[in-house]
């Protein structure tokens, strides 16, 4: 199933509701065939950006381009984008075949072409044998696949996915993440994926664009945005981290810090400090067994740290080196694993 893809961009896009801004000056370029995730907490502006791109919401300022063509004045049906909704939005009285065929019939495709394209779309999502079933006879994961097949059946150059895994349980979400990754690899469509789930963003995306309060905070590859967050908000939102103020960091390490805060990921702390490591001394407060790893908290010693507690996560393979709660401990962290935050 061949698929065309297209670049797209937001150019200084703002959306206001009265005096409040849901989106403020968003400028973002997306390459053809790229899988980009808009990530952020509720009210961050990610769904507003998606709805402006789809044509469901009109921008107050700025312009959106698809395939280098301004589309701000076009209605949704003329933008040639596919959409997968959070609630699947399937027609309950229609069969799987008819649900998937709906976009083609709206385009007045011939019966032969409709059969061909629906068959290819159902094959792509591994539902070839279920064309005659109604949505009520399908599992949640199967209904999501139908919604995905309907979105790709007309080969749109851009595919928009709005919190489309949130209605599924954990196992189904993981299965559908793998399926979406496979389908994107097969079709090469440009995908804009909206979620508040960090694990979805990190596992699926070529790049992640993190928004907060309607503004773009950082956009980068998943590993880069995780390892090198630009701000305290990004460090705290993407995964888990320990934020240490400049005064406490410099007291502990004896090294200057170029910003007001430092970030240390829990998995970067270990109980076998190496030469050159920053050494952190404190008391083990608690330990939690999680199968492959042991997690816990270390309350730092020293008046200038303010009794700060650091979270750590160590592989179970070194469980023997992990002190018991209440014991004094020294943990190490490589200087390269300390990230200076701008605010």
C-alpha atoms as a PDB file:
ATOM      1  CA  UNK A   1       0.000   0.000   0.000  1.00  0.00           C
ATOM      2  CA  UNK A   2       1.855   3.041  -1.282  1.00  0.00           C
ATOM      3  CA  UNK A   3       1.560   6.252   0.659  1.00  0.00           C
ATOM      4  CA  UNK A   4       2.439   9.828  -0.213  1.00  0.00           C
ATOM      5  CA  UNK A   5       3.870  12.003   2.536  1.00  0.00           C
ATOM      6  CA  UNK A   6       4.229  15.746   2.891  1.00  0.00           C
ATOM      7  CA  UNK A   7       6.102  18.270   5.013  1.00  0.00           C
ATOM      8  CA  UNK A   8       4.066  20.619   7.140  1.00  0.00           C
ATOM      9  CA  UNK A   9       4.717  23.637   9.304  1.00  0.00           C
ATOM     10  CA  UNK A  10       3.189  25.969  11.841  1.00  0.00           C
ATOM     11  CA  UNK A  11       4.281  29.569  11.359  1.00  0.00           C
ATOM     12  CA  UNK A  12       3.684  31.850  14.373  1.00  0.00           C
ATOM     13  CA  UNK A  13       0.321  30.175  15.047  1.00  0.00           C
ATOM     14  CA  UNK A  14      -1.676  31.657  17.924  1.00  0.00           C
ATOM     15  CA  UNK A  15      -5.129  30.755  19.189  1.00  0.00           C
ATOM     16  CA  UNK A  16      -6.925  33.035  21.628  1.00  0.00           C
ATOM     17  CA  UNK A  17     -10.222  32.625  23.444  1.00  0.00           C
ATOM     18  CA  UNK A  18     -11.013  36.105  24.706  1.00  0.00           C
ATOM     19  CA  UNK A  19      -8.047  37.236  26.782  1.00  0.00           C
ATOM     20  CA  UNK A  20      -6.683  33.687  27.215  1.00  0.00           C
ATOM     21  CA  UNK A  21      -4.206  32.102  24.807  1.00  0.00           C
ATOM     22  CA  UNK A  22      -4.530  28.366  24.167  1.00  0.00           C
ATOM     23  CA  UNK A  23      -1.560  28.531  21.768  1.00  0.00           C
ATOM     24  CA  UNK A  24       0.998  31.298  21.533  1.00  0.00           C
ATOM     25  CA  UNK A  25       3.242  31.847  18.519  1.00  0.00           C
ATOM     26  CA  UNK A  26       3.869  28.201  17.630  1.00  0.00           C
ATOM     27  CA  UNK A  27       6.538  27.858  14.938  1.00  0.00           C
ATOM     28  CA  UNK A  28       7.405  24.272  14.087  1.00  0.00           C
ATOM     29  CA  UNK A  29       8.563  22.515  10.907  1.00  0.00           C
ATOM     30  CA  UNK A  30       7.856  18.818  10.330  1.00  0.00           C
ATOM     31  CA  UNK A  31       9.699  16.859   7.641  1.00  0.00           C
ATOM     32  CA  UNK A  32       7.934  14.685   5.089  1.00  0.00           C
ATOM     33  CA  UNK A  33       7.577  11.169   6.505  1.00  0.00           C
ATOM     34  CA  UNK A  34       8.490  12.238  10.034  1.00  0.00           C
ATOM     35  CA  UNK A  35       6.701  10.920  13.124  1.00  0.00           C
ATOM     36  CA  UNK A  36       6.405  13.921  15.421  1.00  0.00           C
ATOM     37  CA  UNK A  37       4.668  13.859  18.787  1.00  0.00           C
ATOM     38  CA  UNK A  38       3.064  16.889  20.403  1.00  0.00           C
ATOM     39  CA  UNK A  39       3.500  16.169  24.104  1.00  0.00           C
ATOM     40  CA  UNK A  40       2.359  18.096  27.137  1.00  0.00           C
ATOM     41  CA  UNK A  41       0.036  18.224  30.143  1.00  0.00           C
ATOM     42  CA  UNK A  42      -3.661  19.016  29.906  1.00  0.00           C
ATOM     43  CA  UNK A  43      -4.176  22.567  28.673  1.00  0.00           C
ATOM     44  CA  UNK A  44      -0.721  22.794  27.107  1.00  0.00           C
ATOM     45  CA  UNK A  45      -2.045  23.557  23.600  1.00  0.00           C
ATOM     46  CA  UNK A  46      -1.217  20.282  21.875  1.00  0.00           C
ATOM     47  CA  UNK A  47      -4.783  19.373  20.888  1.00  0.00           C
ATOM     48  CA  UNK A  48      -5.450  22.977  19.878  1.00  0.00           C
ATOM     49  CA  UNK A  49      -2.464  22.792  17.508  1.00  0.00           C
ATOM     50  CA  UNK A  50      -3.759  19.507  16.064  1.00  0.00           C
ATOM     51  CA  UNK A  51      -7.275  20.893  15.563  1.00  0.00           C
ATOM     52  CA  UNK A  52      -5.898  23.965  13.794  1.00  0.00           C
ATOM     53  CA  UNK A  53      -3.875  21.699  11.511  1.00  0.00           C
ATOM     54  CA  UNK A  54      -6.942  19.539  10.801  1.00  0.00           C
ATOM     55  CA  UNK A  55      -9.140  22.567  10.157  1.00  0.00           C
ATOM     56  CA  UNK A  56     -11.522  21.992  13.074  1.00  0.00           C
ATOM     57  CA  UNK A  57     -10.349  25.211  14.757  1.00  0.00           C
ATOM     58  CA  UNK A  58      -9.389  28.510  13.138  1.00  0.00           C
ATOM     59  CA  UNK A  59      -6.111  30.125  14.216  1.00  0.00           C
ATOM     60  CA  UNK A  60      -6.285  33.667  15.570  1.00  0.00           C
ATOM     61  CA  UNK A  61      -2.941  34.491  13.993  1.00  0.00           C
ATOM     62  CA  UNK A  62      -0.332  32.739  11.879  1.00  0.00           C
ATOM     63  CA  UNK A  63      -0.574  30.146   9.138  1.00  0.00           C
ATOM     64  CA  UNK A  64      -0.360  26.379   8.707  1.00  0.00           C
ATOM     65  CA  UNK A  65       1.269  24.833   5.624  1.00  0.00           C
ATOM     66  CA  UNK A  66       0.867  21.313   4.257  1.00  0.00           C
ATOM     67  CA  UNK A  67       3.189  20.371   1.425  1.00  0.00           C
ATOM     68  CA  UNK A  68       4.309  24.034   1.313  1.00  0.00           C
ATOM     69  CA  UNK A  69       0.704  25.144   0.659  1.00  0.00           C
ATOM     70  CA  UNK A  70      -1.153  27.439   3.090  1.00  0.00           C
ATOM     71  CA  UNK A  71      -4.283  25.673   4.299  1.00  0.00           C
ATOM     72  CA  UNK A  72      -5.631  28.058   6.956  1.00  0.00           C
ATOM     73  CA  UNK A  73      -8.550  29.102   4.752  1.00  0.00           C
ATOM     74  CA  UNK A  74      -9.449  25.555   3.647  1.00  0.00           C
ATOM     75  CA  UNK A  75     -12.212  23.459   5.279  1.00  0.00           C
ATOM     76  CA  UNK A  76     -11.155  20.101   6.830  1.00  0.00           C
ATOM     77  CA  UNK A  77     -12.325  18.000   3.873  1.00  0.00           C
ATOM     78  CA  UNK A  78      -9.996  19.868   1.495  1.00  0.00           C
ATOM     79  CA  UNK A  79      -6.832  19.498   3.564  1.00  0.00           C
ATOM     80  CA  UNK A  80      -6.303  15.829   2.657  1.00  0.00           C
ATOM     81  CA  UNK A  81      -5.325  14.657   6.141  1.00  0.00           C
ATOM     82  CA  UNK A  82      -6.291  11.439   7.902  1.00  0.00           C
ATOM     83  CA  UNK A  83      -7.515  11.578  11.503  1.00  0.00           C
ATOM     84  CA  UNK A  84      -7.611   8.961  14.276  1.00  0.00           C
ATOM     85  CA  UNK A  85      -9.737  10.141  17.208  1.00  0.00           C
ATOM     86  CA  UNK A  86      -9.483   9.316  20.889  1.00  0.00           C
ATOM     87  CA  UNK A  87     -12.931   7.672  20.968  1.00  0.00           C
ATOM     88  CA  UNK A  88     -12.459   5.795  17.641  1.00  0.00           C
ATOM     89  CA  UNK A  89     -15.629   7.525  16.208  1.00  0.00           C
ATOM     90  CA  UNK A  90     -16.801   4.409  14.355  1.00  0.00           C
ATOM     91  CA  UNK A  91     -20.323   4.117  12.956  1.00  0.00           C
ATOM     92  CA  UNK A  92     -21.907   1.349  15.093  1.00  0.00           C
ATOM     93  CA  UNK A  93     -24.529   0.384  12.489  1.00  0.00           C
ATOM     94  CA  UNK A  94     -21.918  -0.083   9.744  1.00  0.00           C
ATOM     95  CA  UNK A  95     -19.676  -3.082   9.128  1.00  0.00           C
ATOM     96  CA  UNK A  96     -15.906  -2.817   9.401  1.00  0.00           C
ATOM     97  CA  UNK A  97     -15.747  -2.655   5.597  1.00  0.00           C
ATOM     98  CA  UNK A  98     -18.244   0.194   5.393  1.00  0.00           C
ATOM     99  CA  UNK A  99     -16.554   2.135   8.203  1.00  0.00           C
ATOM    100  CA  UNK A 100     -13.212   1.953   6.421  1.00  0.00           C
ATOM    101  CA  UNK A 101     -14.795   2.698   3.039  1.00  0.00           C
ATOM    102  CA  UNK A 102     -16.547   5.851   4.265  1.00  0.00           C
ATOM    103  CA  UNK A 103     -13.796   8.350   3.244  1.00  0.00           C
ATOM    104  CA  UNK A 104     -13.597   6.803  -0.229  1.00  0.00           C
ATOM    105  CA  UNK A 105     -17.354   6.979  -0.736  1.00  0.00           C
ATOM    106  CA  UNK A 106     -17.314  10.620   0.292  1.00  0.00           C
ATOM    107  CA  UNK A 107     -14.769  11.081  -2.521  1.00  0.00           C
ATOM    108  CA  UNK A 108     -17.085   9.146  -4.889  1.00  0.00           C
ATOM    109  CA  UNK A 109     -14.519   6.393  -5.545  1.00  0.00           C
ATOM    110  CA  UNK A 110     -15.663   3.534  -7.759  1.00  0.00           C
ATOM    111  CA  UNK A 111     -16.765   0.255  -6.194  1.00  0.00           C
ATOM    112  CA  UNK A 112     -13.777  -1.575  -7.601  1.00  0.00           C
ATOM    113  CA  UNK A 113     -11.318   1.009  -6.285  1.00  0.00           C
ATOM    114  CA  UNK A 114     -13.086   1.030  -2.904  1.00  0.00           C
ATOM    115  CA  UNK A 115     -12.834  -2.753  -2.575  1.00  0.00           C
ATOM    116  CA  UNK A 116      -9.174  -2.645  -3.520  1.00  0.00           C
ATOM    117  CA  UNK A 117      -8.215   0.137  -1.122  1.00  0.00           C
ATOM    118  CA  UNK A 118     -10.302  -1.113   1.809  1.00  0.00           C
ATOM    119  CA  UNK A 119      -8.813  -4.576   1.381  1.00  0.00           C
ATOM    120  CA  UNK A 120      -5.294  -3.129   1.382  1.00  0.00           C
ATOM    121  CA  UNK A 121      -6.000  -0.971   4.448  1.00  0.00           C
ATOM    122  CA  UNK A 122      -7.462  -3.886   6.413  1.00  0.00           C
ATOM    123  CA  UNK A 123      -4.502  -6.041   5.439  1.00  0.00           C
ATOM    124  CA  UNK A 124      -2.129  -3.311   6.658  1.00  0.00           C
ATOM    125  CA  UNK A 125      -3.756  -3.330  10.123  1.00  0.00           C
ATOM    126  CA  UNK A 126      -4.121  -7.146  10.174  1.00  0.00           C
ATOM    127  CA  UNK A 127      -7.938  -7.218  10.029  1.00  0.00           C
ATOM    128  CA  UNK A 128      -8.494  -8.812   6.624  1.00  0.00           C
ATOM    129  CA  UNK A 129     -10.899 -11.450   7.960  1.00  0.00           C
ATOM    130  CA  UNK A 130     -13.164  -9.078   9.847  1.00  0.00           C
ATOM    131  CA  UNK A 131     -14.642  -6.904   7.093  1.00  0.00           C
ATOM    132  CA  UNK A 132     -18.244  -8.058   7.727  1.00  0.00           C
ATOM    133  CA  UNK A 133     -18.243  -7.577  11.514  1.00  0.00           C
ATOM    134  CA  UNK A 134     -19.865  -4.670  13.357  1.00  0.00           C
ATOM    135  CA  UNK A 135     -17.796  -2.583  15.806  1.00  0.00           C
ATOM    136  CA  UNK A 136     -19.707  -4.022  18.787  1.00  0.00           C
ATOM    137  CA  UNK A 137     -18.289  -7.468  17.972  1.00  0.00           C
ATOM    138  CA  UNK A 138     -14.692  -6.230  18.139  1.00  0.00           C
ATOM    139  CA  UNK A 139     -12.254  -5.768  21.002  1.00  0.00           C
ATOM    140  CA  UNK A 140     -10.951  -2.310  21.892  1.00  0.00           C
ATOM    141  CA  UNK A 141      -7.689  -2.973  20.083  1.00  0.00           C
ATOM    142  CA  UNK A 142      -9.521  -4.171  16.973  1.00  0.00           C
ATOM    143  CA  UNK A 143     -11.759  -1.087  16.939  1.00  0.00           C
ATOM    144  CA  UNK A 144      -8.661   1.074  17.136  1.00  0.00           C
ATOM    145  CA  UNK A 145      -7.232  -0.779  14.138  1.00  0.00           C
ATOM    146  CA  UNK A 146     -10.446  -0.121  12.204  1.00  0.00           C
ATOM    147  CA  UNK A 147     -10.160   3.575  12.999  1.00  0.00           C
ATOM    148  CA  UNK A 148      -6.545   3.517  11.833  1.00  0.00           C
ATOM    149  CA  UNK A 149      -7.479   1.698   8.607  1.00  0.00           C
ATOM    150  CA  UNK A 150     -10.181   4.297   7.900  1.00  0.00           C
ATOM    151  CA  UNK A 151      -7.636   7.086   8.405  1.00  0.00           C
ATOM    152  CA  UNK A 152      -5.110   5.632   5.953  1.00  0.00           C
ATOM    153  CA  UNK A 153      -7.432   4.174   3.314  1.00  0.00           C
ATOM    154  CA  UNK A 154      -7.388   7.301   1.123  1.00  0.00           C
ATOM    155  CA  UNK A 155      -3.580   7.533   1.374  1.00  0.00           C
ATOM    156  CA  UNK A 156      -3.458  11.005   2.976  1.00  0.00           C
ATOM    157  CA  UNK A 157      -0.014  12.644   3.019  1.00  0.00           C
ATOM    158  CA  UNK A 158      -0.502  13.587   6.690  1.00  0.00           C
ATOM    159  CA  UNK A 159      -1.976  11.425   9.462  1.00  0.00           C
ATOM    160  CA  UNK A 160      -3.169  13.052  12.717  1.00  0.00           C
ATOM    161  CA  UNK A 161      -3.621  10.961  15.866  1.00  0.00           C
ATOM    162  CA  UNK A 162      -5.270  12.547  18.909  1.00  0.00           C
ATOM    163  CA  UNK A 163      -4.737  10.665  22.209  1.00  0.00           C
ATOM    164  CA  UNK A 164      -5.792   7.584  20.270  1.00  0.00           C
ATOM    165  CA  UNK A 165      -4.374   5.024  22.735  1.00  0.00           C
ATOM    166  CA  UNK A 166      -5.702   6.523  25.961  1.00  0.00           C
ATOM    167  CA  UNK A 167      -8.945   4.482  25.901  1.00  0.00           C
ATOM    168  CA  UNK A 168      -7.038   1.169  25.838  1.00  0.00           C
ATOM    169  CA  UNK A 169      -5.703  -0.815  28.771  1.00  0.00           C
ATOM    170  CA  UNK A 170      -1.949  -1.069  29.344  1.00  0.00           C
ATOM    171  CA  UNK A 171      -1.369  -4.282  27.386  1.00  0.00           C
ATOM    172  CA  UNK A 172      -3.405  -3.086  24.408  1.00  0.00           C
ATOM    173  CA  UNK A 173      -1.623   0.303  24.455  1.00  0.00           C
ATOM    174  CA  UNK A 174       1.724  -1.461  24.238  1.00  0.00           C
ATOM    175  CA  UNK A 175       0.489  -3.680  21.401  1.00  0.00           C
ATOM    176  CA  UNK A 176      -0.923  -0.717  19.487  1.00  0.00           C
ATOM    177  CA  UNK A 177       2.305   1.264  19.969  1.00  0.00           C
ATOM    178  CA  UNK A 178       4.147  -1.560  18.213  1.00  0.00           C
ATOM    179  CA  UNK A 179       1.461  -1.662  15.511  1.00  0.00           C
ATOM    180  CA  UNK A 180       1.575   2.091  14.877  1.00  0.00           C
ATOM    181  CA  UNK A 181       5.361   1.976  14.657  1.00  0.00           C
ATOM    182  CA  UNK A 182       5.150  -0.904  12.146  1.00  0.00           C
ATOM    183  CA  UNK A 183       2.505   0.829  10.020  1.00  0.00           C
ATOM    184  CA  UNK A 184       4.454   4.090   9.947  1.00  0.00           C
ATOM    185  CA  UNK A 185       7.543   2.177   8.854  1.00  0.00           C
ATOM    186  CA  UNK A 186       5.539   0.522   6.077  1.00  0.00           C
ATOM    187  CA  UNK A 187       3.669   3.572   4.788  1.00  0.00           C
ATOM    188  CA  UNK A 188       6.092   6.394   5.571  1.00  0.00           C
ATOM    189  CA  UNK A 189       3.234   8.849   6.133  1.00  0.00           C
ATOM    190  CA  UNK A 190       3.920  12.120   7.938  1.00  0.00           C
ATOM    191  CA  UNK A 191       2.401  11.601  11.404  1.00  0.00           C
ATOM    192  CA  UNK A 192       1.456  14.143  14.067  1.00  0.00           C
ATOM    193  CA  UNK A 193       0.690  12.242  17.265  1.00  0.00           C
ATOM    194  CA  UNK A 194      -0.804  13.969  20.306  1.00  0.00           C
ATOM    195  CA  UNK A 195      -0.381  12.493  23.788  1.00  0.00           C
ATOM    196  CA  UNK A 196       0.256  13.359  27.419  1.00  0.00           C
ATOM    197  CA  UNK A 197       1.986   9.990  27.936  1.00  0.00           C
ATOM    198  CA  UNK A 198       5.786  10.327  27.980  1.00  0.00           C
ATOM    199  CA  UNK A 199       6.416   6.631  27.252  1.00  0.00           C
ATOM    200  CA  UNK A 200       4.302   6.824  24.073  1.00  0.00           C
ATOM    201  CA  UNK A 201       6.163   9.921  22.938  1.00  0.00           C
ATOM    202  CA  UNK A 202       9.623   8.493  23.610  1.00  0.00           C
ATOM    203  CA  UNK A 203       8.939   5.071  22.073  1.00  0.00           C
ATOM    204  CA  UNK A 204       7.131   6.166  18.893  1.00  0.00           C
ATOM    205  CA  UNK A 205       8.608   9.462  17.778  1.00  0.00           C
ATOM    206  CA  UNK A 206      11.341  10.631  15.466  1.00  0.00           C
ATOM    207  CA  UNK A 207      11.087  13.913  17.380  1.00  0.00           C
ATOM    208  CA  UNK A 208       9.100  15.176  20.356  1.00  0.00           C
ATOM    209  CA  UNK A 209       7.727  18.716  20.665  1.00  0.00           C
ATOM    210  CA  UNK A 210       6.929  19.507  24.290  1.00  0.00           C
ATOM    211  CA  UNK A 211       4.368  22.246  24.967  1.00  0.00           C
ATOM    212  CA  UNK A 212       3.293  23.944  28.183  1.00  0.00           C
ATOM    213  CA  UNK A 213       0.835  26.804  28.682  1.00  0.00           C
ATOM    214  CA  UNK A 214       0.462  27.157  24.921  1.00  0.00           C
ATOM    215  CA  UNK A 215       4.170  27.584  24.228  1.00  0.00           C
ATOM    216  CA  UNK A 216       6.780  25.316  22.693  1.00  0.00           C
ATOM    217  CA  UNK A 217       9.348  24.434  25.385  1.00  0.00           C
ATOM    218  CA  UNK A 218      11.693  22.148  23.458  1.00  0.00           C
ATOM    219  CA  UNK A 219      11.695  20.020  20.314  1.00  0.00           C
ATOM    220  CA  UNK A 220      14.292  17.300  19.774  1.00  0.00           C
ATOM    221  CA  UNK A 221      14.887  13.589  19.266  1.00  0.00           C
ATOM    222  CA  UNK A 222      13.530  11.449  22.143  1.00  0.00           C
ATOM    223  CA  UNK A 223      16.934  10.526  23.537  1.00  0.00           C
ATOM    224  CA  UNK A 224      18.182  14.107  23.341  1.00  0.00           C
ATOM    225  CA  UNK A 225      15.112  15.598  25.018  1.00  0.00           C
ATOM    226  CA  UNK A 226      15.394  12.978  27.779  1.00  0.00           C
ATOM    227  CA  UNK A 227      19.159  13.219  28.304  1.00  0.00           C
ATOM    228  CA  UNK A 228      19.516  16.973  27.760  1.00  0.00           C
ATOM    229  CA  UNK A 229      16.351  18.798  28.835  1.00  0.00           C
ATOM    230  CA  UNK A 230      16.608  22.556  28.394  1.00  0.00           C
ATOM    231  CA  UNK A 231      14.511  23.643  31.376  1.00  0.00           C
ATOM    232  CA  UNK A 232      13.334  22.467  34.762  1.00  0.00           C
ATOM    233  CA  UNK A 233       9.838  21.866  33.381  1.00  0.00           C
ATOM    234  CA  UNK A 234      11.137  19.645  30.554  1.00  0.00           C
ATOM    235  CA  UNK A 235      13.396  17.656  32.910  1.00  0.00           C
ATOM    236  CA  UNK A 236      10.569  17.086  35.377  1.00  0.00           C
ATOM    237  CA  UNK A 237       7.897  16.259  32.778  1.00  0.00           C
ATOM    238  CA  UNK A 238       9.926  13.842  30.643  1.00  0.00           C
ATOM    239  CA  UNK A 239      10.437  10.779  32.811  1.00  0.00           C
ATOM    240  CA  UNK A 240      11.578  11.178  36.411  1.00  0.00           C
ATOM    241  CA  UNK A 241      14.458  13.244  37.668  1.00  0.00           C
ATOM    242  CA  UNK A 242      16.064  14.851  40.701  1.00  0.00           C
ATOM    243  CA  UNK A 243      16.249  18.649  40.629  1.00  0.00           C
ATOM    244  CA  UNK A 244      19.029  20.141  42.764  1.00  0.00           C
ATOM    245  CA  UNK A 245      19.413  23.877  43.352  1.00  0.00           C
ATOM    246  CA  UNK A 246      22.748  25.500  42.495  1.00  0.00           C
ATOM    247  CA  UNK A 247      23.791  26.065  46.145  1.00  0.00           C
ATOM    248  CA  UNK A 248      23.209  22.445  47.156  1.00  0.00           C
ATOM    249  CA  UNK A 249      24.911  21.095  44.019  1.00  0.00           C
ATOM    250  CA  UNK A 250      28.004  23.224  44.493  1.00  0.00           C
ATOM    251  CA  UNK A 251      28.161  22.282  48.185  1.00  0.00           C
ATOM    252  CA  UNK A 252      27.978  18.569  47.348  1.00  0.00           C
ATOM    253  CA  UNK A 253      30.312  18.535  44.356  1.00  0.00           C
ATOM    254  CA  UNK A 254      32.642  21.456  44.876  1.00  0.00           C
ATOM    255  CA  UNK A 255      32.024  22.303  41.213  1.00  0.00           C
ATOM    256  CA  UNK A 256      30.397  25.434  39.764  1.00  0.00           C
ATOM    257  CA  UNK A 257      27.030  25.114  38.068  1.00  0.00           C
ATOM    258  CA  UNK A 258      26.199  27.220  35.032  1.00  0.00           C
ATOM    259  CA  UNK A 259      22.493  27.567  35.805  1.00  0.00           C
ATOM    260  CA  UNK A 260      20.110  27.818  38.746  1.00  0.00           C
ATOM    261  CA  UNK A 261      19.368  24.070  38.826  1.00  0.00           C
ATOM    262  CA  UNK A 262      20.886  20.691  37.987  1.00  0.00           C
ATOM    263  CA  UNK A 263      19.037  17.549  36.892  1.00  0.00           C
ATOM    264  CA  UNK A 264      20.132  13.997  37.741  1.00  0.00           C
ATOM    265  CA  UNK A 265      18.111  11.041  36.472  1.00  0.00           C
ATOM    266  CA  UNK A 266      17.502   8.322  39.126  1.00  0.00           C
ATOM    267  CA  UNK A 267      19.097   5.627  36.959  1.00  0.00           C
ATOM    268  CA  UNK A 268      22.333   7.638  36.761  1.00  0.00           C
ATOM    269  CA  UNK A 269      22.971   7.198  40.503  1.00  0.00           C
ATOM    270  CA  UNK A 270      24.811   4.080  41.651  1.00  0.00           C
ATOM    271  CA  UNK A 271      26.366   2.562  44.766  1.00  0.00           C
ATOM    272  CA  UNK A 272      29.844   2.041  43.300  1.00  0.00           C
ATOM    273  CA  UNK A 273      31.359   5.535  42.918  1.00  0.00           C
ATOM    274  CA  UNK A 274      34.207   5.640  40.414  1.00  0.00           C
ATOM    275  CA  UNK A 275      37.226   7.969  40.401  1.00  0.00           C
ATOM    276  CA  UNK A 276      36.066  11.351  39.175  1.00  0.00           C
ATOM    277  CA  UNK A 277      32.418  10.762  40.127  1.00  0.00           C
ATOM    278  CA  UNK A 278      30.428  13.250  42.150  1.00  0.00           C
ATOM    279  CA  UNK A 279      29.846  11.561  45.510  1.00  0.00           C
ATOM    280  CA  UNK A 280      26.558  11.967  47.365  1.00  0.00           C
ATOM    281  CA  UNK A 281      26.341  10.940  51.030  1.00  0.00           C
ATOM    282  CA  UNK A 282      23.121  10.346  52.911  1.00  0.00           C
ATOM    283  CA  UNK A 283      20.729   7.903  54.540  1.00  0.00           C
ATOM    284  CA  UNK A 284      18.616   5.327  52.708  1.00  0.00           C
ATOM    285  CA  UNK A 285      14.981   6.148  53.465  1.00  0.00           C
ATOM    286  CA  UNK A 286      13.210   3.301  51.686  1.00  0.00           C
ATOM    287  CA  UNK A 287      13.586   0.647  49.009  1.00  0.00           C
ATOM    288  CA  UNK A 288      11.044  -0.738  46.543  1.00  0.00           C
ATOM    289  CA  UNK A 289      11.494  -4.038  44.720  1.00  0.00           C
ATOM    290  CA  UNK A 290      10.345  -3.785  41.065  1.00  0.00           C
ATOM    291  CA  UNK A 291      11.593  -7.040  39.620  1.00  0.00           C
ATOM    292  CA  UNK A 292      14.379  -5.925  37.302  1.00  0.00           C
ATOM    293  CA  UNK A 293      15.351  -2.974  39.481  1.00  0.00           C
ATOM    294  CA  UNK A 294      15.442  -1.620  43.013  1.00  0.00           C
ATOM    295  CA  UNK A 295      14.208   1.922  43.549  1.00  0.00           C
ATOM    296  CA  UNK A 296      14.584   4.032  46.631  1.00  0.00           C
ATOM    297  CA  UNK A 297      15.294   7.395  48.186  1.00  0.00           C
ATOM    298  CA  UNK A 298      18.506   8.831  49.614  1.00  0.00           C
ATOM    299  CA  UNK A 299      18.207  11.734  52.082  1.00  0.00           C
ATOM    300  CA  UNK A 300      21.329  13.827  51.632  1.00  0.00           C
ATOM    301  CA  UNK A 301      23.521  14.789  54.563  1.00  0.00           C
ATOM    302  CA  UNK A 302      24.816  18.299  55.181  1.00  0.00           C
ATOM    303  CA  UNK A 303      23.057  21.471  56.225  1.00  0.00           C
ATOM    304  CA  UNK A 304      23.366  23.244  52.864  1.00  0.00           C
ATOM    305  CA  UNK A 305      21.416  20.520  51.049  1.00  0.00           C
ATOM    306  CA  UNK A 306      18.333  21.228  53.138  1.00  0.00           C
ATOM    307  CA  UNK A 307      17.857  17.501  53.737  1.00  0.00           C
ATOM    308  CA  UNK A 308      17.000  16.998  50.076  1.00  0.00           C
ATOM    309  CA  UNK A 309      15.842  13.544  49.040  1.00  0.00           C
ATOM    310  CA  UNK A 310      17.141  11.983  45.812  1.00  0.00           C
ATOM    311  CA  UNK A 311      15.383   9.127  44.074  1.00  0.00           C
ATOM    312  CA  UNK A 312      17.533   6.358  42.619  1.00  0.00           C
ATOM    313  CA  UNK A 313      16.919   3.276  40.463  1.00  0.00           C
ATOM    314  CA  UNK A 314      19.582   0.568  40.334  1.00  0.00           C
ATOM    315  CA  UNK A 315      19.531  -2.761  38.453  1.00  0.00           C
ATOM    316  CA  UNK A 316      18.673  -5.764  40.594  1.00  0.00           C
ATOM    317  CA  UNK A 317      21.945  -7.376  39.517  1.00  0.00           C
ATOM    318  CA  UNK A 318      23.716  -5.105  42.007  1.00  0.00           C
ATOM    319  CA  UNK A 319      21.145  -5.616  44.760  1.00  0.00           C
ATOM    320  CA  UNK A 320      23.875  -6.995  47.037  1.00  0.00           C
ATOM    321  CA  UNK A 321      25.516  -3.553  47.052  1.00  0.00           C
ATOM    322  CA  UNK A 322      22.298  -1.788  48.064  1.00  0.00           C
ATOM    323  CA  UNK A 323      22.248  -0.810  51.787  1.00  0.00           C
ATOM    324  CA  UNK A 324      19.160  -1.354  53.902  1.00  0.00           C
ATOM    325  CA  UNK A 325      16.787   1.460  54.876  1.00  0.00           C
ATOM    326  CA  UNK A 326      18.192   3.520  57.726  1.00  0.00           C
ATOM    327  CA  UNK A 327      21.812   2.869  56.763  1.00  0.00           C
ATOM    328  CA  UNK A 328      24.293   5.489  55.656  1.00  0.00           C
ATOM    329  CA  UNK A 329      25.269   5.248  51.983  1.00  0.00           C
ATOM    330  CA  UNK A 330      27.488   6.898  49.401  1.00  0.00           C
ATOM    331  CA  UNK A 331      26.219   7.100  45.843  1.00  0.00           C
ATOM    332  CA  UNK A 332      28.100   8.203  42.757  1.00  0.00           C
ATOM    333  CA  UNK A 333      27.169  10.063  39.587  1.00  0.00           C
ATOM    334  CA  UNK A 334      29.376  10.854  36.584  1.00  0.00           C
ATOM    335  CA  UNK A 335      29.795  14.599  35.948  1.00  0.00           C
ATOM    336  CA  UNK A 336      28.564  14.043  32.361  1.00  0.00           C
ATOM    337  CA  UNK A 337      25.216  12.868  33.775  1.00  0.00           C
ATOM    338  CA  UNK A 338      24.603  16.219  35.477  1.00  0.00           C
ATOM    339  CA  UNK A 339      22.435  18.426  33.272  1.00  0.00           C
ATOM    340  CA  UNK A 340      22.386  22.178  33.885  1.00  0.00           C
ATOM    341  CA  UNK A 341      18.907  23.671  33.529  1.00  0.00           C
ATOM    342  CA  UNK A 342      18.248  27.165  32.262  1.00  0.00           C
ATOM    343  CA  UNK A 343      15.375  27.909  34.639  1.00  0.00           C
END
